[in-house]
Amino acid sequence: MTMDDIRKQLMEAAAKGDVEAVLKLTAEADKLKKAEAKEKAEAAAKEAAELAGVRTELAEKIGAALKPVSAKLFYDKATQTDSTNAVLEGVKATGYYFEYSVEKGISFGLRHPTVRVAHSGGGSTGKSKAEFGMSLDEIFQKFATDEDKAKLEAAASNSAKWTVKVTVKKAAIAAGLLQPVK
């Protein structure tokens, strides 16, 4: 049975309101889709196995052809040697790549370490410091009661801790104890 056959029978069963037939045909369609996917995966695996040796040979040919080009490109006349490593180290590169794809053609570039930017964990930083001359932590330490400090200890998440600190800050502002520096 093909998927088209299943679709036709499914439409007929749905038009008749035959729920049992709809469920049976839906299960049959799922089986057919799984069988088709399995066939495709097996065919791709077989093809990959057949091409593995050929691909290795081709990669070795390309590598052999590119090695002299690399040596000429980075040849150091003073030492009469291939200075690939020295040139790459000079620009803090770890290597280079040459790539050809059927869709994009030739591409090449340098491999280099990725610089990761440190994040503070989100949210704006320094708002209290800019407005009141003290960080939120400093405000909390100065104006918190023992009860507030106990709430902070009991807070499970950073968000809950921030809420406790902001509550102390708002109370200090309302009491006139904390004034903006601007």
N, C-alpha and C. Protein backbone atom coordinates (compact mmCIF):
# COMPACT_ATOMS: atom_id res chain seq x y z
N MET A 1 0.85 -1.18 0.00
CA MET A 1 0.00 0.00 0.00
C MET A 1 0.90 1.24 0.00
N THR A 2 0.56 2.22 -0.85
CA THR A 2 1.34 3.46 -0.93
C THR A 2 0.72 4.54 -0.06
N MET A 3 1.44 5.61 0.11
CA MET A 3 0.95 6.72 0.91
C MET A 3 -0.28 7.34 0.26
N ASP A 4 -0.32 7.39 -1.07
CA ASP A 4 -1.50 7.93 -1.76
C ASP A 4 -2.74 7.08 -1.48
N ASP A 5 -2.56 5.75 -1.49
CA ASP A 5 -3.68 4.86 -1.17
C ASP A 5 -4.20 5.12 0.24
N ILE A 6 -3.25 5.27 1.17
CA ILE A 6 -3.63 5.52 2.56
C ILE A 6 -4.38 6.84 2.68
N ARG A 7 -3.90 7.86 1.97
CA ARG A 7 -4.57 9.17 2.02
C ARG A 7 -6.01 9.08 1.52
N LYS A 8 -6.19 8.38 0.40
CA LYS A 8 -7.54 8.25 -0.16
C LYS A 8 -8.47 7.53 0.82
N GLN A 9 -7.99 6.42 1.37
CA GLN A 9 -8.81 5.67 2.31
C GLN A 9 -9.07 6.47 3.59
N LEU A 10 -8.09 7.26 3.99
CA LEU A 10 -8.24 8.09 5.18
C LEU A 10 -9.31 9.15 4.96
N MET A 11 -9.32 9.76 3.79
CA MET A 11 -10.33 10.77 3.47
C MET A 11 -11.73 10.15 3.48
N GLU A 12 -11.84 8.96 2.89
CA GLU A 12 -13.13 8.28 2.84
C GLU A 12 -13.61 7.92 4.24
N ALA A 13 -12.70 7.41 5.07
CA ALA A 13 -13.06 7.02 6.44
C ALA A 13 -13.45 8.24 7.26
N ALA A 14 -12.74 9.34 7.05
CA ALA A 14 -13.06 10.57 7.78
C ALA A 14 -14.42 11.10 7.35
N ALA A 15 -14.73 11.02 6.04
CA ALA A 15 -16.02 11.48 5.54
C ALA A 15 -17.17 10.65 6.10
N LYS A 16 -16.93 9.36 6.29
CA LYS A 16 -17.94 8.48 6.85
C LYS A 16 -18.03 8.59 8.37
N GLY A 17 -17.00 9.19 8.98
CA GLY A 17 -16.99 9.31 10.44
C GLY A 17 -16.55 8.02 11.12
N ASP A 18 -15.82 7.18 10.41
CA ASP A 18 -15.34 5.90 10.92
C ASP A 18 -14.02 6.13 11.68
N VAL A 19 -14.13 6.40 12.97
CA VAL A 19 -12.96 6.73 13.80
C VAL A 19 -11.99 5.56 13.86
N GLU A 20 -12.50 4.36 13.96
CA GLU A 20 -11.64 3.18 14.06
C GLU A 20 -10.79 3.02 12.80
N ALA A 21 -11.38 3.22 11.65
CA ALA A 21 -10.64 3.12 10.38
C ALA A 21 -9.61 4.23 10.27
N VAL A 22 -9.97 5.44 10.72
CA VAL A 22 -9.03 6.57 10.69
C VAL A 22 -7.81 6.24 11.54
N LEU A 23 -8.03 5.72 12.74
CA LEU A 23 -6.91 5.37 13.62
C LEU A 23 -6.04 4.28 13.01
N LYS A 24 -6.69 3.27 12.41
CA LYS A 24 -5.95 2.17 11.80
C LYS A 24 -5.10 2.69 10.62
N LEU A 25 -5.68 3.54 9.78
CA LEU A 25 -4.96 4.08 8.62
C LEU A 25 -3.84 5.03 9.05
N THR A 26 -4.07 5.79 10.11
CA THR A 26 -3.03 6.68 10.62
C THR A 26 -1.83 5.87 11.10
N ALA A 27 -2.09 4.76 11.80
CA ALA A 27 -1.02 3.88 12.26
C ALA A 27 -0.28 3.28 11.07
N GLU A 28 -1.02 2.91 10.03
CA GLU A 28 -0.42 2.35 8.81
C GLU A 28 0.47 3.39 8.13
N ALA A 29 0.02 4.64 8.09
CA ALA A 29 0.82 5.73 7.50
C ALA A 29 2.11 5.93 8.29
N ASP A 30 2.03 5.87 9.62
CA ASP A 30 3.22 6.01 10.44
C ASP A 30 4.22 4.89 10.17
N LYS A 31 3.73 3.66 10.04
CA LYS A 31 4.60 2.52 9.74
C LYS A 31 5.29 2.73 8.39
N LEU A 32 4.53 3.18 7.41
CA LEU A 32 5.08 3.40 6.08
C LEU A 32 6.16 4.48 6.11
N LYS A 33 5.91 5.58 6.82
CA LYS A 33 6.90 6.66 6.92
C LYS A 33 8.18 6.16 7.60
N LYS A 34 8.03 5.37 8.66
CA LYS A 34 9.20 4.84 9.37
C LYS A 34 9.99 3.89 8.46
N ALA A 35 9.28 3.07 7.70
CA ALA A 35 9.95 2.14 6.79
C ALA A 35 10.72 2.91 5.71
N GLU A 36 10.11 3.97 5.16
CA GLU A 36 10.78 4.79 4.15
C GLU A 36 12.02 5.47 4.73
N ALA A 37 11.91 6.00 5.94
CA ALA A 37 13.04 6.65 6.58
C ALA A 37 14.17 5.65 6.84
N LYS A 38 13.81 4.44 7.24
CA LYS A 38 14.81 3.40 7.50
C LYS A 38 15.53 3.03 6.20
N GLU A 39 14.78 2.89 5.12
CA GLU A 39 15.38 2.58 3.82
C GLU A 39 16.37 3.66 3.39
N LYS A 40 15.96 4.92 3.55
CA LYS A 40 16.84 6.03 3.17
C LYS A 40 18.11 6.04 4.01
N ALA A 41 17.97 5.81 5.31
CA ALA A 41 19.13 5.80 6.20
C ALA A 41 20.08 4.66 5.84
N GLU A 42 19.54 3.49 5.54
CA GLU A 42 20.37 2.34 5.17
C GLU A 42 21.08 2.60 3.85
N ALA A 43 20.39 3.22 2.89
CA ALA A 43 21.00 3.53 1.59
C ALA A 43 22.13 4.55 1.76
N ALA A 44 21.90 5.56 2.62
CA ALA A 44 22.93 6.57 2.85
C ALA A 44 24.14 5.96 3.54
N ALA A 45 23.92 5.06 4.50
CA ALA A 45 25.02 4.39 5.20
C ALA A 45 25.81 3.52 4.24
N LYS A 46 25.13 2.81 3.35
CA LYS A 46 25.79 1.95 2.37
C LYS A 46 26.64 2.81 1.43
N GLU A 47 26.07 3.92 0.96
CA GLU A 47 26.81 4.80 0.06
C GLU A 47 28.04 5.39 0.75
N ALA A 48 27.89 5.80 2.00
CA ALA A 48 29.02 6.37 2.74
C ALA A 48 30.14 5.34 2.91
N ALA A 49 29.76 4.09 3.17
CA ALA A 49 30.76 3.04 3.32
C ALA A 49 31.49 2.80 2.00
N GLU A 50 30.75 2.82 0.90
CA GLU A 50 31.36 2.61 -0.41
C GLU A 50 32.31 3.74 -0.79
N LEU A 51 31.97 4.96 -0.40
CA LEU A 51 32.78 6.13 -0.77
C LEU A 51 33.92 6.42 0.20
N ALA A 52 33.94 5.77 1.35
CA ALA A 52 34.93 6.09 2.38
C ALA A 52 36.36 5.98 1.85
N GLY A 53 36.70 4.90 1.21
CA GLY A 53 38.05 4.71 0.69
C GLY A 53 38.39 5.72 -0.38
N VAL A 54 37.45 5.96 -1.28
CA VAL A 54 37.66 6.92 -2.36
C VAL A 54 37.88 8.32 -1.79
N ARG A 55 37.09 8.68 -0.80
CA ARG A 55 37.23 10.00 -0.18
C ARG A 55 38.59 10.15 0.49
N THR A 56 39.06 9.11 1.15
CA THR A 56 40.37 9.17 1.81
C THR A 56 41.47 9.40 0.79
N GLU A 57 41.41 8.68 -0.34
CA GLU A 57 42.41 8.85 -1.40
C GLU A 57 42.38 10.28 -1.94
N LEU A 58 41.17 10.81 -2.16
CA LEU A 58 41.04 12.16 -2.69
C LEU A 58 41.59 13.18 -1.70
N ALA A 59 41.31 13.01 -0.42
CA ALA A 59 41.82 13.93 0.60
C ALA A 59 43.34 13.90 0.64
N GLU A 60 43.93 12.72 0.48
CA GLU A 60 45.39 12.62 0.48
C GLU A 60 45.98 13.32 -0.74
N LYS A 61 45.33 13.20 -1.91
CA LYS A 61 45.80 13.88 -3.12
C LYS A 61 45.75 15.40 -2.94
N ILE A 62 44.63 15.90 -2.38
CA ILE A 62 44.49 17.34 -2.17
C ILE A 62 45.53 17.83 -1.17
N GLY A 63 45.73 17.09 -0.10
CA GLY A 63 46.74 17.45 0.90
C GLY A 63 48.13 17.49 0.31
N ALA A 64 48.47 16.51 -0.52
CA ALA A 64 49.79 16.47 -1.15
C ALA A 64 49.97 17.66 -2.10
N ALA A 65 48.89 18.05 -2.77
CA ALA A 65 48.98 19.19 -3.69
C ALA A 65 49.11 20.51 -2.95
N LEU A 66 48.47 20.61 -1.80
CA LEU A 66 48.49 21.88 -1.07
C LEU A 66 49.76 22.07 -0.22
N LYS A 67 50.41 21.00 0.16
CA LYS A 67 51.59 21.11 1.03
C LYS A 67 52.70 21.96 0.39
N PRO A 68 53.05 21.73 -0.89
CA PRO A 68 54.07 22.58 -1.51
C PRO A 68 53.63 24.04 -1.63
N VAL A 69 52.35 24.25 -1.88
CA VAL A 69 51.83 25.63 -1.97
C VAL A 69 52.02 26.33 -0.63
N SER A 70 51.70 25.64 0.44
CA SER A 70 51.86 26.19 1.78
C SER A 70 53.32 26.52 2.06
N ALA A 71 54.21 25.61 1.69
CA ALA A 71 55.64 25.83 1.92
C ALA A 71 56.14 27.04 1.13
N LYS A 72 55.68 27.19 -0.13
CA LYS A 72 56.09 28.34 -0.94
C LYS A 72 55.53 29.64 -0.37
N LEU A 73 54.29 29.57 0.09
CA LEU A 73 53.62 30.76 0.61
C LEU A 73 54.34 31.30 1.85
N PHE A 74 54.78 30.41 2.70
CA PHE A 74 55.41 30.83 3.96
C PHE A 74 56.92 30.58 3.98
N TYR A 75 57.54 30.54 2.83
CA TYR A 75 58.98 30.29 2.74
C TYR A 75 59.76 31.48 3.27
N ASP A 76 60.69 31.21 4.16
CA ASP A 76 61.52 32.26 4.75
C ASP A 76 62.88 32.22 4.05
N LYS A 77 63.19 33.25 3.26
CA LYS A 77 64.44 33.27 2.49
C LYS A 77 65.66 33.29 3.40
N ALA A 78 65.56 33.96 4.54
CA ALA A 78 66.71 34.06 5.43
C ALA A 78 67.13 32.69 5.98
N THR A 79 66.17 31.90 6.38
CA THR A 79 66.50 30.59 6.96
C THR A 79 66.34 29.46 5.95
N GLN A 80 65.79 29.79 4.79
CA GLN A 80 65.52 28.83 3.72
C GLN A 80 64.69 27.64 4.22
N THR A 81 63.68 27.95 5.01
CA THR A 81 62.79 26.90 5.53
C THR A 81 61.34 27.37 5.40
N ASP A 82 60.48 26.43 5.59
CA ASP A 82 59.04 26.72 5.63
C ASP A 82 58.78 27.37 6.99
N SER A 83 58.29 28.60 7.00
CA SER A 83 58.07 29.30 8.27
C SER A 83 56.59 29.42 8.59
N THR A 84 55.81 28.43 8.18
CA THR A 84 54.37 28.45 8.40
C THR A 84 54.04 28.69 9.87
N ASN A 85 54.65 27.91 10.75
CA ASN A 85 54.35 28.05 12.18
C ASN A 85 54.69 29.44 12.69
N ALA A 86 55.84 29.98 12.30
CA ALA A 86 56.25 31.30 12.78
C ALA A 86 55.28 32.37 12.31
N VAL A 87 54.86 32.29 11.05
CA VAL A 87 53.94 33.28 10.51
C VAL A 87 52.59 33.20 11.22
N LEU A 88 52.09 31.98 11.41
CA LEU A 88 50.81 31.81 12.08
C LEU A 88 50.88 32.25 13.54
N GLU A 89 51.97 31.90 14.22
CA GLU A 89 52.12 32.32 15.62
C GLU A 89 52.21 33.84 15.73
N GLY A 90 52.76 34.49 14.71
CA GLY A 90 52.87 35.94 14.71
C GLY A 90 51.53 36.64 14.74
N VAL A 91 50.50 36.00 14.20
CA VAL A 91 49.16 36.59 14.22
C VAL A 91 48.23 35.82 15.15
N LYS A 92 48.83 35.00 16.01
CA LYS A 92 48.10 34.21 17.01
C LYS A 92 47.04 33.31 16.37
N ALA A 93 47.38 32.76 15.22
CA ALA A 93 46.49 31.81 14.56
C ALA A 93 46.96 30.40 14.91
N THR A 94 46.03 29.47 14.94
CA THR A 94 46.38 28.09 15.27
C THR A 94 46.51 27.24 14.02
N GLY A 95 46.16 27.78 12.89
CA GLY A 95 46.26 27.06 11.63
C GLY A 95 45.46 27.78 10.57
N TYR A 96 45.32 27.14 9.44
CA TYR A 96 44.49 27.72 8.39
C TYR A 96 43.72 26.60 7.72
N TYR A 97 42.69 26.98 6.98
CA TYR A 97 41.91 25.98 6.28
C TYR A 97 41.70 26.42 4.84
N PHE A 98 41.59 25.45 4.01
CA PHE A 98 41.28 25.63 2.60
C PHE A 98 40.10 24.72 2.35
N GLU A 99 39.02 25.27 1.85
CA GLU A 99 37.82 24.47 1.69
C GLU A 99 37.20 24.74 0.33
N TYR A 100 36.72 23.70 -0.26
CA TYR A 100 35.99 23.83 -1.51
C TYR A 100 34.65 23.13 -1.34
N SER A 101 33.58 23.83 -1.66
CA SER A 101 32.27 23.19 -1.64
C SER A 101 31.61 23.44 -2.98
N VAL A 102 30.80 22.49 -3.39
CA VAL A 102 30.13 22.58 -4.69
C VAL A 102 29.25 23.82 -4.73
N GLU A 103 28.59 24.14 -3.60
CA GLU A 103 27.68 25.28 -3.57
C GLU A 103 28.40 26.62 -3.54
N LYS A 104 29.49 26.72 -2.76
CA LYS A 104 30.12 28.02 -2.52
C LYS A 104 31.46 28.21 -3.22
N GLY A 105 32.05 27.15 -3.71
CA GLY A 105 33.36 27.26 -4.35
C GLY A 105 34.47 27.22 -3.32
N ILE A 106 35.53 27.99 -3.56
CA ILE A 106 36.70 27.96 -2.69
C ILE A 106 36.55 28.97 -1.56
N SER A 107 36.92 28.53 -0.36
CA SER A 107 37.01 29.45 0.76
C SER A 107 38.23 29.06 1.58
N PHE A 108 38.82 30.03 2.22
CA PHE A 108 39.97 29.76 3.07
C PHE A 108 40.02 30.81 4.15
N GLY A 109 40.76 30.52 5.20
CA GLY A 109 40.88 31.46 6.30
C GLY A 109 41.80 30.93 7.36
N LEU A 110 41.98 31.71 8.39
CA LEU A 110 42.83 31.33 9.50
C LEU A 110 41.99 30.79 10.64
N ARG A 111 42.51 29.77 11.30
CA ARG A 111 41.88 29.29 12.53
C ARG A 111 42.53 30.04 13.67
N HIS A 112 41.71 30.54 14.56
CA HIS A 112 42.24 31.30 15.69
C HIS A 112 41.36 31.07 16.90
N PRO A 113 41.92 31.31 18.09
CA PRO A 113 41.12 31.09 19.30
C PRO A 113 39.94 32.04 19.33
N THR A 114 38.84 31.54 19.86
CA THR A 114 37.65 32.37 20.02
C THR A 114 37.76 33.14 21.32
N VAL A 115 37.51 34.42 21.24
CA VAL A 115 37.54 35.25 22.45
C VAL A 115 36.14 35.28 23.01
N ARG A 116 36.00 34.80 24.21
CA ARG A 116 34.69 34.77 24.86
C ARG A 116 34.54 36.01 25.73
N VAL A 117 33.39 36.63 25.63
CA VAL A 117 33.11 37.82 26.41
C VAL A 117 32.44 37.39 27.71
N ALA A 118 32.98 37.88 28.81
CA ALA A 118 32.40 37.54 30.11
C ALA A 118 31.14 38.35 30.33
N HIS A 119 30.11 37.69 30.78
CA HIS A 119 28.86 38.37 31.08
C HIS A 119 28.66 38.37 32.59
N SER A 120 28.05 39.43 33.07
CA SER A 120 27.88 39.57 34.52
C SER A 120 26.68 38.79 35.04
N GLY A 121 25.90 38.22 34.18
CA GLY A 121 24.74 37.46 34.64
C GLY A 121 23.44 38.15 34.35
N GLY A 122 23.48 39.22 33.60
CA GLY A 122 22.24 39.86 33.19
C GLY A 122 21.89 41.07 34.02
N GLY A 123 20.89 41.75 33.58
CA GLY A 123 20.42 42.93 34.31
C GLY A 123 21.36 44.10 34.13
N SER A 124 20.88 45.28 34.46
CA SER A 124 21.74 46.45 34.38
C SER A 124 22.63 46.48 35.61
N THR A 125 23.82 47.00 35.45
CA THR A 125 24.75 47.04 36.57
C THR A 125 25.05 48.48 36.93
N GLY A 126 25.23 48.74 38.19
CA GLY A 126 25.66 50.05 38.64
C GLY A 126 24.59 51.09 38.73
N LYS A 127 23.32 50.75 38.61
CA LYS A 127 22.25 51.74 38.65
C LYS A 127 22.19 52.40 40.03
N SER A 128 22.24 51.60 41.09
CA SER A 128 22.21 52.15 42.45
C SER A 128 23.47 52.97 42.72
N LYS A 129 24.61 52.48 42.25
CA LYS A 129 25.88 53.18 42.47
C LYS A 129 25.85 54.55 41.80
N ALA A 130 25.31 54.60 40.59
CA ALA A 130 25.24 55.87 39.86
C ALA A 130 24.26 56.84 40.53
N GLU A 131 23.15 56.32 41.03
CA GLU A 131 22.13 57.19 41.59
C GLU A 131 22.40 57.59 43.04
N PHE A 132 22.90 56.63 43.85
CA PHE A 132 23.05 56.88 45.28
C PHE A 132 24.49 56.86 45.77
N GLY A 133 25.44 56.55 44.87
CA GLY A 133 26.84 56.52 45.28
C GLY A 133 27.23 55.23 46.00
N MET A 134 26.30 54.28 46.10
CA MET A 134 26.57 52.99 46.73
C MET A 134 25.93 51.90 45.88
N SER A 135 26.58 50.73 45.87
CA SER A 135 25.99 49.61 45.14
C SER A 135 24.80 49.07 45.94
N LEU A 136 24.00 48.24 45.29
CA LEU A 136 22.85 47.64 45.97
C LEU A 136 23.31 46.84 47.18
N ASP A 137 24.41 46.13 47.06
CA ASP A 137 24.96 45.37 48.20
C ASP A 137 25.34 46.30 49.36
N GLU A 138 26.00 47.41 49.01
CA GLU A 138 26.41 48.36 50.06
C GLU A 138 25.18 48.98 50.74
N ILE A 139 24.17 49.30 49.96
CA ILE A 139 22.93 49.86 50.53
C ILE A 139 22.31 48.84 51.48
N PHE A 140 22.26 47.58 51.04
CA PHE A 140 21.68 46.53 51.88
C PHE A 140 22.47 46.40 53.18
N GLN A 141 23.77 46.35 53.10
CA GLN A 141 24.60 46.19 54.31
C GLN A 141 24.41 47.35 55.28
N LYS A 142 24.22 48.55 54.75
CA LYS A 142 24.09 49.74 55.61
C LYS A 142 22.72 49.84 56.27
N PHE A 143 21.64 49.48 55.54
CA PHE A 143 20.30 49.75 56.03
C PHE A 143 19.48 48.50 56.41
N ALA A 144 20.02 47.32 56.22
CA ALA A 144 19.26 46.09 56.49
C ALA A 144 19.15 45.84 57.99
N THR A 145 17.96 45.37 58.40
CA THR A 145 17.75 44.95 59.78
C THR A 145 18.14 43.47 59.89
N ASP A 146 18.15 42.95 61.09
CA ASP A 146 18.45 41.53 61.28
C ASP A 146 17.41 40.67 60.56
N GLU A 147 16.16 41.14 60.56
CA GLU A 147 15.10 40.41 59.88
C GLU A 147 15.36 40.37 58.37
N ASP A 148 15.80 41.51 57.79
CA ASP A 148 16.11 41.56 56.36
C ASP A 148 17.28 40.62 56.03
N LYS A 149 18.28 40.59 56.90
CA LYS A 149 19.44 39.71 56.67
C LYS A 149 19.02 38.24 56.73
N ALA A 150 18.07 37.91 57.60
CA ALA A 150 17.55 36.54 57.69
C ALA A 150 16.79 36.18 56.41
N LYS A 151 16.02 37.15 55.88
CA LYS A 151 15.28 36.92 54.63
C LYS A 151 16.25 36.66 53.48
N LEU A 152 17.36 37.42 53.48
CA LEU A 152 18.35 37.25 52.42
C LEU A 152 18.98 35.85 52.50
N GLU A 153 19.28 35.41 53.70
CA GLU A 153 19.86 34.07 53.89
C GLU A 153 18.88 32.99 53.44
N ALA A 154 17.59 33.21 53.67
CA ALA A 154 16.57 32.22 53.33
C ALA A 154 16.24 32.21 51.84
N ALA A 155 16.58 33.28 51.14
CA ALA A 155 16.25 33.38 49.71
C ALA A 155 17.01 32.31 48.93
N ALA A 156 16.29 31.59 48.09
CA ALA A 156 16.88 30.46 47.37
C ALA A 156 17.56 30.88 46.07
N SER A 157 17.00 31.84 45.37
CA SER A 157 17.53 32.20 44.06
C SER A 157 18.11 33.61 44.08
N ASN A 158 18.89 33.92 43.06
CA ASN A 158 19.44 35.27 42.93
C ASN A 158 18.33 36.30 42.79
N SER A 159 17.28 35.91 42.09
CA SER A 159 16.15 36.81 41.91
C SER A 159 15.50 37.14 43.25
N ALA A 160 15.33 36.14 44.09
CA ALA A 160 14.73 36.36 45.41
C ALA A 160 15.64 37.23 46.28
N LYS A 161 16.95 37.01 46.17
CA LYS A 161 17.91 37.83 46.94
C LYS A 161 17.85 39.29 46.48
N TRP A 162 17.78 39.48 45.16
CA TRP A 162 17.69 40.83 44.62
C TRP A 162 16.43 41.52 45.13
N THR A 163 15.31 40.79 45.17
CA THR A 163 14.06 41.35 45.65
C THR A 163 14.18 41.82 47.10
N VAL A 164 14.83 41.03 47.95
CA VAL A 164 15.03 41.41 49.35
C VAL A 164 15.88 42.69 49.43
N LYS A 165 16.94 42.74 48.66
CA LYS A 165 17.83 43.92 48.68
C LYS A 165 17.10 45.18 48.20
N VAL A 166 16.30 45.05 47.13
CA VAL A 166 15.56 46.19 46.60
C VAL A 166 14.52 46.66 47.61
N THR A 167 13.90 45.75 48.33
CA THR A 167 12.93 46.11 49.35
C THR A 167 13.59 46.96 50.44
N VAL A 168 14.79 46.58 50.86
CA VAL A 168 15.54 47.36 51.86
C VAL A 168 15.89 48.73 51.29
N LYS A 169 16.30 48.79 50.03
CA LYS A 169 16.65 50.06 49.39
C LYS A 169 15.43 50.98 49.35
N LYS A 170 14.27 50.44 48.95
CA LYS A 170 13.05 51.26 48.89
C LYS A 170 12.63 51.76 50.27
N ALA A 171 12.81 50.92 51.27
CA ALA A 171 12.46 51.32 52.64
C ALA A 171 13.37 52.44 53.11
N ALA A 172 14.66 52.37 52.78
CA ALA A 172 15.61 53.42 53.16
C ALA A 172 15.28 54.73 52.45
N ILE A 173 14.87 54.65 51.18
CA ILE A 173 14.47 55.86 50.45
C ILE A 173 13.21 56.45 51.07
N ALA A 174 12.23 55.61 51.38
CA ALA A 174 10.96 56.08 51.95
C ALA A 174 11.18 56.72 53.33
N ALA A 175 12.14 56.20 54.09
CA ALA A 175 12.43 56.73 55.43
C ALA A 175 13.30 57.99 55.36
N GLY A 176 13.75 58.35 54.17
CA GLY A 176 14.58 59.54 54.02
C GLY A 176 16.03 59.29 54.40
N LEU A 177 16.43 58.03 54.56
CA LEU A 177 17.81 57.70 54.94
C LEU A 177 18.74 57.63 53.75
N LEU A 178 18.18 57.43 52.55
CA LEU A 178 18.97 57.29 51.35
C LEU A 178 18.55 58.36 50.36
N GLN A 179 19.48 59.24 50.02
CA GLN A 179 19.20 60.34 49.11
C GLN A 179 20.06 60.21 47.84
N PRO A 180 19.50 60.58 46.70
CA PRO A 180 20.30 60.56 45.47
C PRO A 180 21.46 61.52 45.55
N VAL A 181 22.59 61.15 44.94
CA VAL A 181 23.77 62.02 44.94
C VAL A 181 23.74 63.03 43.83
N LYS A 182 22.88 62.87 42.86
CA LYS A 182 22.81 63.79 41.72
C LYS A 182 22.00 65.02 42.05
